[in-house]
């Protein structure tokens, strides 16, 4: 079953996001290699491909998992 994982940033979360990014990307690459990743991407704070200083407000991952717990 596909699950949508919607993450919302909290105030001043950039340092946490930067430290988690390598593991996050590694997991996305693994899901893609397994054929389980449908789509993933950030939510820009403003409507532009490069939000610059406005940053992002969160992200979305839609992938196939065997259960909610696995997701």
PDB file of N, CA and C in Angstrom:
ATOM      1  N   UNK A   1       0.847  -1.164   0.000  1.00  0.00           N
ATOM      2  CA  UNK A   1       0.000   0.000   0.000  1.00  0.00           C
ATOM      3  C   UNK A   1       0.900   1.236   0.000  1.00  0.00           C
ATOM      4  N   UNK A   2       0.455   2.256  -0.717  1.00  0.00           N
ATOM      5  CA  UNK A   2       1.203   3.506  -0.721  1.00  0.00           C
ATOM      6  C   UNK A   2       0.796   4.357   0.484  1.00  0.00           C
ATOM      7  N   UNK A   3       1.782   4.984   1.100  1.00  0.00           N
ATOM      8  CA  UNK A   3       1.570   5.890   2.223  1.00  0.00           C
ATOM      9  C   UNK A   3       2.145   7.254   1.869  1.00  0.00           C
ATOM     10  N   UNK A   4       1.421   8.302   2.239  1.00  0.00           N
ATOM     11  CA  UNK A   4       1.904   9.667   2.066  1.00  0.00           C
ATOM     12  C   UNK A   4       2.459  10.132   3.406  1.00  0.00           C
ATOM     13  N   UNK A   5       3.715  10.489   3.422  1.00  0.00           N
ATOM     14  CA  UNK A   5       4.367  11.002   4.626  1.00  0.00           C
ATOM     15  C   UNK A   5       4.563  12.495   4.404  1.00  0.00           C
ATOM     16  N   UNK A   6       3.852  13.293   5.176  1.00  0.00           N
ATOM     17  CA  UNK A   6       3.880  14.741   5.032  1.00  0.00           C
ATOM     18  C   UNK A   6       4.566  15.326   6.253  1.00  0.00           C
ATOM     19  N   UNK A   7       5.679  15.978   6.046  1.00  0.00           N
ATOM     20  CA  UNK A   7       6.450  16.564   7.141  1.00  0.00           C
ATOM     21  C   UNK A   7       6.311  18.077   7.101  1.00  0.00           C
ATOM     22  N   UNK A   8       6.160  18.671   8.259  1.00  0.00           N
ATOM     23  CA  UNK A   8       6.096  20.126   8.360  1.00  0.00           C
ATOM     24  C   UNK A   8       7.262  20.615   9.203  1.00  0.00           C
ATOM     25  N   UNK A   9       7.968  21.615   8.693  1.00  0.00           N
ATOM     26  CA  UNK A   9       9.094  22.180   9.429  1.00  0.00           C
ATOM     27  C   UNK A   9       8.595  22.981  10.627  1.00  0.00           C
ATOM     28  N   UNK A  10       9.416  23.010  11.641  1.00  0.00           N
ATOM     29  CA  UNK A  10       9.166  23.875  12.793  1.00  0.00           C
ATOM     30  C   UNK A  10      10.093  25.078  12.672  1.00  0.00           C
ATOM     31  N   UNK A  11       9.840  26.084  13.450  1.00  0.00           N
ATOM     32  CA  UNK A  11      10.662  27.292  13.400  1.00  0.00           C
ATOM     33  C   UNK A  11      12.124  26.962  13.694  1.00  0.00           C
ATOM     34  N   UNK A  12      13.012  27.566  12.933  1.00  0.00           N
ATOM     35  CA  UNK A  12      14.462  27.395  13.095  1.00  0.00           C
ATOM     36  C   UNK A  12      14.911  25.940  12.949  1.00  0.00           C
ATOM     37  N   UNK A  13      14.292  25.214  12.026  1.00  0.00           N
ATOM     38  CA  UNK A  13      14.598  23.793  11.861  1.00  0.00           C
ATOM     39  C   UNK A  13      15.726  23.516  10.869  1.00  0.00           C
ATOM     40  N   UNK A  14      16.260  24.537  10.229  1.00  0.00           N
ATOM     41  CA  UNK A  14      17.284  24.320   9.208  1.00  0.00           C
ATOM     42  C   UNK A  14      18.471  23.493   9.709  1.00  0.00           C
ATOM     43  N   UNK A  15      19.055  23.769  10.892  1.00  0.00           N
ATOM     44  CA  UNK A  15      20.175  22.928  11.338  1.00  0.00           C
ATOM     45  C   UNK A  15      19.783  21.452  11.492  1.00  0.00           C
ATOM     46  N   UNK A  16      18.585  21.183  11.986  1.00  0.00           N
ATOM     47  CA  UNK A  16      18.133  19.788  12.122  1.00  0.00           C
ATOM     48  C   UNK A  16      17.946  19.157  10.747  1.00  0.00           C
ATOM     49  N   UNK A  17      17.376  19.921   9.808  1.00  0.00           N
ATOM     50  CA  UNK A  17      17.158  19.401   8.461  1.00  0.00           C
ATOM     51  C   UNK A  17      18.490  19.080   7.797  1.00  0.00           C
ATOM     52  N   UNK A  18      19.472  19.960   7.971  1.00  0.00           N
ATOM     53  CA  UNK A  18      20.774  19.743   7.337  1.00  0.00           C
ATOM     54  C   UNK A  18      21.468  18.506   7.910  1.00  0.00           C
ATOM     55  N   UNK A  19      21.344  18.282   9.213  1.00  0.00           N
ATOM     56  CA  UNK A  19      22.000  17.115   9.807  1.00  0.00           C
ATOM     57  C   UNK A  19      21.299  15.811   9.425  1.00  0.00           C
ATOM     58  N   UNK A  20      19.998  15.850   9.186  1.00  0.00           N
ATOM     59  CA  UNK A  20      19.235  14.653   8.828  1.00  0.00           C
ATOM     60  C   UNK A  20      19.273  14.364   7.324  1.00  0.00           C
ATOM     61  N   UNK A  21      19.655  15.342   6.526  1.00  0.00           N
ATOM     62  CA  UNK A  21      19.578  15.225   5.062  1.00  0.00           C
ATOM     63  C   UNK A  21      20.321  14.024   4.489  1.00  0.00           C
ATOM     64  N   UNK A  22      21.570  13.735   4.871  1.00  0.00           N
ATOM     65  CA  UNK A  22      22.258  12.580   4.269  1.00  0.00           C
ATOM     66  C   UNK A  22      21.503  11.263   4.484  1.00  0.00           C
ATOM     67  N   UNK A  23      21.029  11.018   5.679  1.00  0.00           N
ATOM     68  CA  UNK A  23      20.287   9.779   5.956  1.00  0.00           C
ATOM     69  C   UNK A  23      18.951   9.779   5.214  1.00  0.00           C
ATOM     70  N   UNK A  24      18.311  10.935   5.140  1.00  0.00           N
ATOM     71  CA  UNK A  24      17.041  11.070   4.441  1.00  0.00           C
ATOM     72  C   UNK A  24      17.213  10.718   2.960  1.00  0.00           C
ATOM     73  N   UNK A  25      18.228  11.285   2.324  1.00  0.00           N
ATOM     74  CA  UNK A  25      18.469  11.008   0.904  1.00  0.00           C
ATOM     75  C   UNK A  25      18.862   9.553   0.677  1.00  0.00           C
ATOM     76  N   UNK A  26      19.638   8.994   1.586  1.00  0.00           N
ATOM     77  CA  UNK A  26      20.026   7.583   1.481  1.00  0.00           C
ATOM     78  C   UNK A  26      18.784   6.693   1.506  1.00  0.00           C
ATOM     79  N   UNK A  27      17.854   6.994   2.396  1.00  0.00           N
ATOM     80  CA  UNK A  27      16.617   6.213   2.491  1.00  0.00           C
ATOM     81  C   UNK A  27      15.780   6.369   1.224  1.00  0.00           C
ATOM     82  N   UNK A  28      15.681   7.576   0.697  1.00  0.00           N
ATOM     83  CA  UNK A  28      14.921   7.783  -0.538  1.00  0.00           C
ATOM     84  C   UNK A  28      15.547   7.019  -1.701  1.00  0.00           C
ATOM     85  N   UNK A  29      16.870   7.029  -1.792  1.00  0.00           N
ATOM     86  CA  UNK A  29      17.554   6.300  -2.863  1.00  0.00           C
ATOM     87  C   UNK A  29      17.296   4.796  -2.736  1.00  0.00           C
ATOM     88  N   UNK A  30      17.284   4.285  -1.499  1.00  0.00           N
ATOM     89  CA  UNK A  30      17.002   2.860  -1.283  1.00  0.00           C
ATOM     90  C   UNK A  30      15.576   2.524  -1.705  1.00  0.00           C
ATOM     91  N   UNK A  31      14.614   3.366  -1.323  1.00  0.00           N
ATOM     92  CA  UNK A  31      13.228   3.131  -1.723  1.00  0.00           C
ATOM     93  C   UNK A  31      13.085   3.156  -3.244  1.00  0.00           C
ATOM     94  N   UNK A  32      13.788   4.079  -3.893  1.00  0.00           N
ATOM     95  CA  UNK A  32      13.743   4.169  -5.354  1.00  0.00           C
ATOM     96  C   UNK A  32      14.342   2.911  -5.979  1.00  0.00           C
ATOM     97  N   UNK A  33      15.477   2.466  -5.471  1.00  0.00           N
ATOM     98  CA  UNK A  33      16.140   1.276  -6.003  1.00  0.00           C
ATOM     99  C   UNK A  33      15.263   0.037  -5.844  1.00  0.00           C
ATOM    100  N   UNK A  34      14.457   0.009  -4.797  1.00  0.00           N
ATOM    101  CA  UNK A  34      13.548  -1.116  -4.545  1.00  0.00           C
ATOM    102  C   UNK A  34      12.246  -0.981  -5.341  1.00  0.00           C
ATOM    103  N   UNK A  35      12.083   0.123  -6.084  1.00  0.00           N
ATOM    104  CA  UNK A  35      10.869   0.337  -6.854  1.00  0.00           C
ATOM    105  C   UNK A  35       9.667   0.710  -6.004  1.00  0.00           C
ATOM    106  N   UNK A  36       9.915   1.237  -4.803  1.00  0.00           N
ATOM    107  CA  UNK A  36       8.823   1.542  -3.877  1.00  0.00           C
ATOM    108  C   UNK A  36       8.529   3.033  -3.740  1.00  0.00           C
ATOM    109  N   UNK A  37       9.381   3.891  -4.288  1.00  0.00           N
ATOM    110  CA  UNK A  37       9.188   5.336  -4.173  1.00  0.00           C
ATOM    111  C   UNK A  37       8.352   5.835  -5.339  1.00  0.00           C
ATOM    112  N   UNK A  38       7.228   6.463  -5.032  1.00  0.00           N
ATOM    113  CA  UNK A  38       6.378   7.027  -6.075  1.00  0.00           C
ATOM    114  C   UNK A  38       6.775   8.471  -6.358  1.00  0.00           C
ATOM    115  N   UNK A  39       6.911   9.274  -5.304  1.00  0.00           N
ATOM    116  CA  UNK A  39       7.277  10.684  -5.463  1.00  0.00           C
ATOM    117  C   UNK A  39       7.812  11.196  -4.127  1.00  0.00           C
ATOM    118  N   UNK A  40       8.707  12.185  -4.212  1.00  0.00           N
ATOM    119  CA  UNK A  40       9.225  12.828  -3.002  1.00  0.00           C
ATOM    120  C   UNK A  40       9.695  14.219  -3.371  1.00  0.00           C
ATOM    121  N   UNK A  41       9.514  15.148  -2.459  1.00  0.00           N
ATOM    122  CA  UNK A  41       9.997  16.484  -2.729  1.00  0.00           C
ATOM    123  C   UNK A  41       9.646  17.463  -1.628  1.00  0.00           C
ATOM    124  N   UNK A  42      10.281  18.643  -1.681  1.00  0.00           N
ATOM    125  CA  UNK A  42      10.071  19.666  -0.659  1.00  0.00           C
ATOM    126  C   UNK A  42       8.848  20.533  -0.962  1.00  0.00           C
ATOM    127  N   UNK A  43       8.394  21.229   0.049  1.00  0.00           N
ATOM    128  CA  UNK A  43       7.330  22.227  -0.087  1.00  0.00           C
ATOM    129  C   UNK A  43       7.988  23.607   0.022  1.00  0.00           C
ATOM    130  N   UNK A  44       8.216  24.287  -1.096  1.00  0.00           N
ATOM    131  CA  UNK A  44       8.814  25.623  -1.034  1.00  0.00           C
ATOM    132  C   UNK A  44       7.896  26.594  -0.289  1.00  0.00           C
ATOM    133  N   UNK A  45       8.491  27.500   0.462  1.00  0.00           N
ATOM    134  CA  UNK A  45       7.714  28.479   1.224  1.00  0.00           C
ATOM    135  C   UNK A  45       7.031  29.489   0.303  1.00  0.00           C
ATOM    136  N   UNK A  46       7.609  29.684  -0.894  1.00  0.00           N
ATOM    137  CA  UNK A  46       6.996  30.572  -1.884  1.00  0.00           C
ATOM    138  C   UNK A  46       6.952  29.829  -3.221  1.00  0.00           C
ATOM    139  N   UNK A  47       6.087  30.251  -4.107  1.00  0.00           N
ATOM    140  CA  UNK A  47       5.852  29.555  -5.366  1.00  0.00           C
ATOM    141  C   UNK A  47       6.930  29.885  -6.396  1.00  0.00           C
ATOM    142  N   UNK A  48       8.068  29.189  -6.266  1.00  0.00           N
ATOM    143  CA  UNK A  48       9.181  29.358  -7.191  1.00  0.00           C
ATOM    144  C   UNK A  48      10.078  28.125  -7.088  1.00  0.00           C
ATOM    145  N   UNK A  49      10.769  27.749  -8.164  1.00  0.00           N
ATOM    146  CA  UNK A  49      11.665  26.598  -8.090  1.00  0.00           C
ATOM    147  C   UNK A  49      12.810  26.780  -7.094  1.00  0.00           C
ATOM    148  N   UNK A  50      13.241  28.025  -6.868  1.00  0.00           N
ATOM    149  CA  UNK A  50      14.322  28.302  -5.918  1.00  0.00           C
ATOM    150  C   UNK A  50      13.824  29.334  -4.906  1.00  0.00           C
ATOM    151  N   UNK A  51      13.349  28.885  -3.737  1.00  0.00           N
ATOM    152  CA  UNK A  51      12.776  29.821  -2.774  1.00  0.00           C
ATOM    153  C   UNK A  51      13.803  30.678  -2.041  1.00  0.00           C
ATOM    154  N   UNK A  52      15.091  30.427  -2.290  1.00  0.00           N
ATOM    155  CA  UNK A  52      16.126  31.245  -1.657  1.00  0.00           C
ATOM    156  C   UNK A  52      15.973  31.304  -0.156  1.00  0.00           C
ATOM    157  N   UNK A  53      16.038  32.507   0.394  1.00  0.00           N
ATOM    158  CA  UNK A  53      15.960  32.701   1.840  1.00  0.00           C
ATOM    159  C   UNK A  53      14.625  32.337   2.445  1.00  0.00           C
ATOM    160  N   UNK A  54      13.573  32.261   1.623  1.00  0.00           N
ATOM    161  CA  UNK A  54      12.259  31.879   2.150  1.00  0.00           C
ATOM    162  C   UNK A  54      12.259  30.428   2.601  1.00  0.00           C
ATOM    163  N   UNK A  55      13.097  29.610   1.965  1.00  0.00           N
ATOM    164  CA  UNK A  55      13.255  28.220   2.371  1.00  0.00           C
ATOM    165  C   UNK A  55      12.060  27.342   2.048  1.00  0.00           C
ATOM    166  N   UNK A  56      11.884  26.334   2.870  1.00  0.00           N
ATOM    167  CA  UNK A  56      10.849  25.328   2.673  1.00  0.00           C
ATOM    168  C   UNK A  56      10.009  25.205   3.939  1.00  0.00           C
ATOM    169  N   UNK A  57       8.803  24.704   3.777  1.00  0.00           N
ATOM    170  CA  UNK A  57       7.910  24.541   4.927  1.00  0.00           C
ATOM    171  C   UNK A  57       7.746  23.080   5.316  1.00  0.00           C
ATOM    172  N   UNK A  58       8.269  22.183   4.512  1.00  0.00           N
ATOM    173  CA  UNK A  58       8.145  20.750   4.806  1.00  0.00           C
ATOM    174  C   UNK A  58       8.465  19.944   3.567  1.00  0.00           C
ATOM    175  N   UNK A  59       8.010  18.691   3.577  1.00  0.00           N
ATOM    176  CA  UNK A  59       8.269  17.810   2.444  1.00  0.00           C
ATOM    177  C   UNK A  59       7.220  16.714   2.385  1.00  0.00           C
ATOM    178  N   UNK A  60       7.171  16.043   1.229  1.00  0.00           N
ATOM    179  CA  UNK A  60       6.230  14.959   0.982  1.00  0.00           C
ATOM    180  C   UNK A  60       6.984  13.762   0.438  1.00  0.00           C
ATOM    181  N   UNK A  61       6.677  12.579   0.965  1.00  0.00           N
ATOM    182  CA  UNK A  61       7.197  11.325   0.439  1.00  0.00           C
ATOM    183  C   UNK A  61       5.989  10.406   0.262  1.00  0.00           C
ATOM    184  N   UNK A  62       5.832   9.853  -0.931  1.00  0.00           N
ATOM    185  CA  UNK A  62       4.804   8.846  -1.172  1.00  0.00           C
ATOM    186  C   UNK A  62       5.528   7.586  -1.616  1.00  0.00           C
ATOM    187  N   UNK A  63       5.402   6.537  -0.812  1.00  0.00           N
ATOM    188  CA  UNK A  63       6.122   5.299  -1.087  1.00  0.00           C
ATOM    189  C   UNK A  63       5.296   4.103  -0.627  1.00  0.00           C
ATOM    190  N   UNK A  64       5.667   2.947  -1.152  1.00  0.00           N
ATOM    191  CA  UNK A  64       4.974   1.715  -0.816  1.00  0.00           C
ATOM    192  C   UNK A  64       5.627   1.064   0.403  1.00  0.00           C
ATOM    193  N   UNK A  65       4.785   0.739   1.371  1.00  0.00           N
ATOM    194  CA  UNK A  65       5.236   0.056   2.586  1.00  0.00           C
ATOM    195  C   UNK A  65       4.268  -1.079   2.894  1.00  0.00           C
ATOM    196  N   UNK A  66       4.735  -2.023   3.698  1.00  0.00           N
ATOM    197  CA  UNK A  66       3.904  -3.178   4.053  1.00  0.00           C
ATOM    198  C   UNK A  66       2.910  -2.849   5.153  1.00  0.00           C
ATOM    199  N   UNK A  67       3.203  -1.783   5.910  1.00  0.00           N
ATOM    200  CA  UNK A  67       2.309  -1.394   7.006  1.00  0.00           C
ATOM    201  C   UNK A  67       2.588   0.065   7.378  1.00  0.00           C
ATOM    202  N   UNK A  68       1.686   0.629   8.150  1.00  0.00           N
ATOM    203  CA  UNK A  68       1.879   1.983   8.637  1.00  0.00           C
ATOM    204  C   UNK A  68       3.112   2.054   9.524  1.00  0.00           C
ATOM    205  N   UNK A  69       3.321   1.025  10.331  1.00  0.00           N
ATOM    206  CA  UNK A  69       4.500   0.989  11.208  1.00  0.00           C
ATOM    207  C   UNK A  69       5.797   0.999  10.382  1.00  0.00           C
ATOM    208  N   UNK A  70       5.810   0.271   9.281  1.00  0.00           N
ATOM    209  CA  UNK A  70       6.990   0.248   8.409  1.00  0.00           C
ATOM    210  C   UNK A  70       7.220   1.597   7.735  1.00  0.00           C
ATOM    211  N   UNK A  71       6.126   2.289   7.440  1.00  0.00           N
ATOM    212  CA  UNK A  71       6.245   3.610   6.817  1.00  0.00           C
ATOM    213  C   UNK A  71       6.879   4.589   7.774  1.00  0.00           C
TER     214      UNK A  71
END
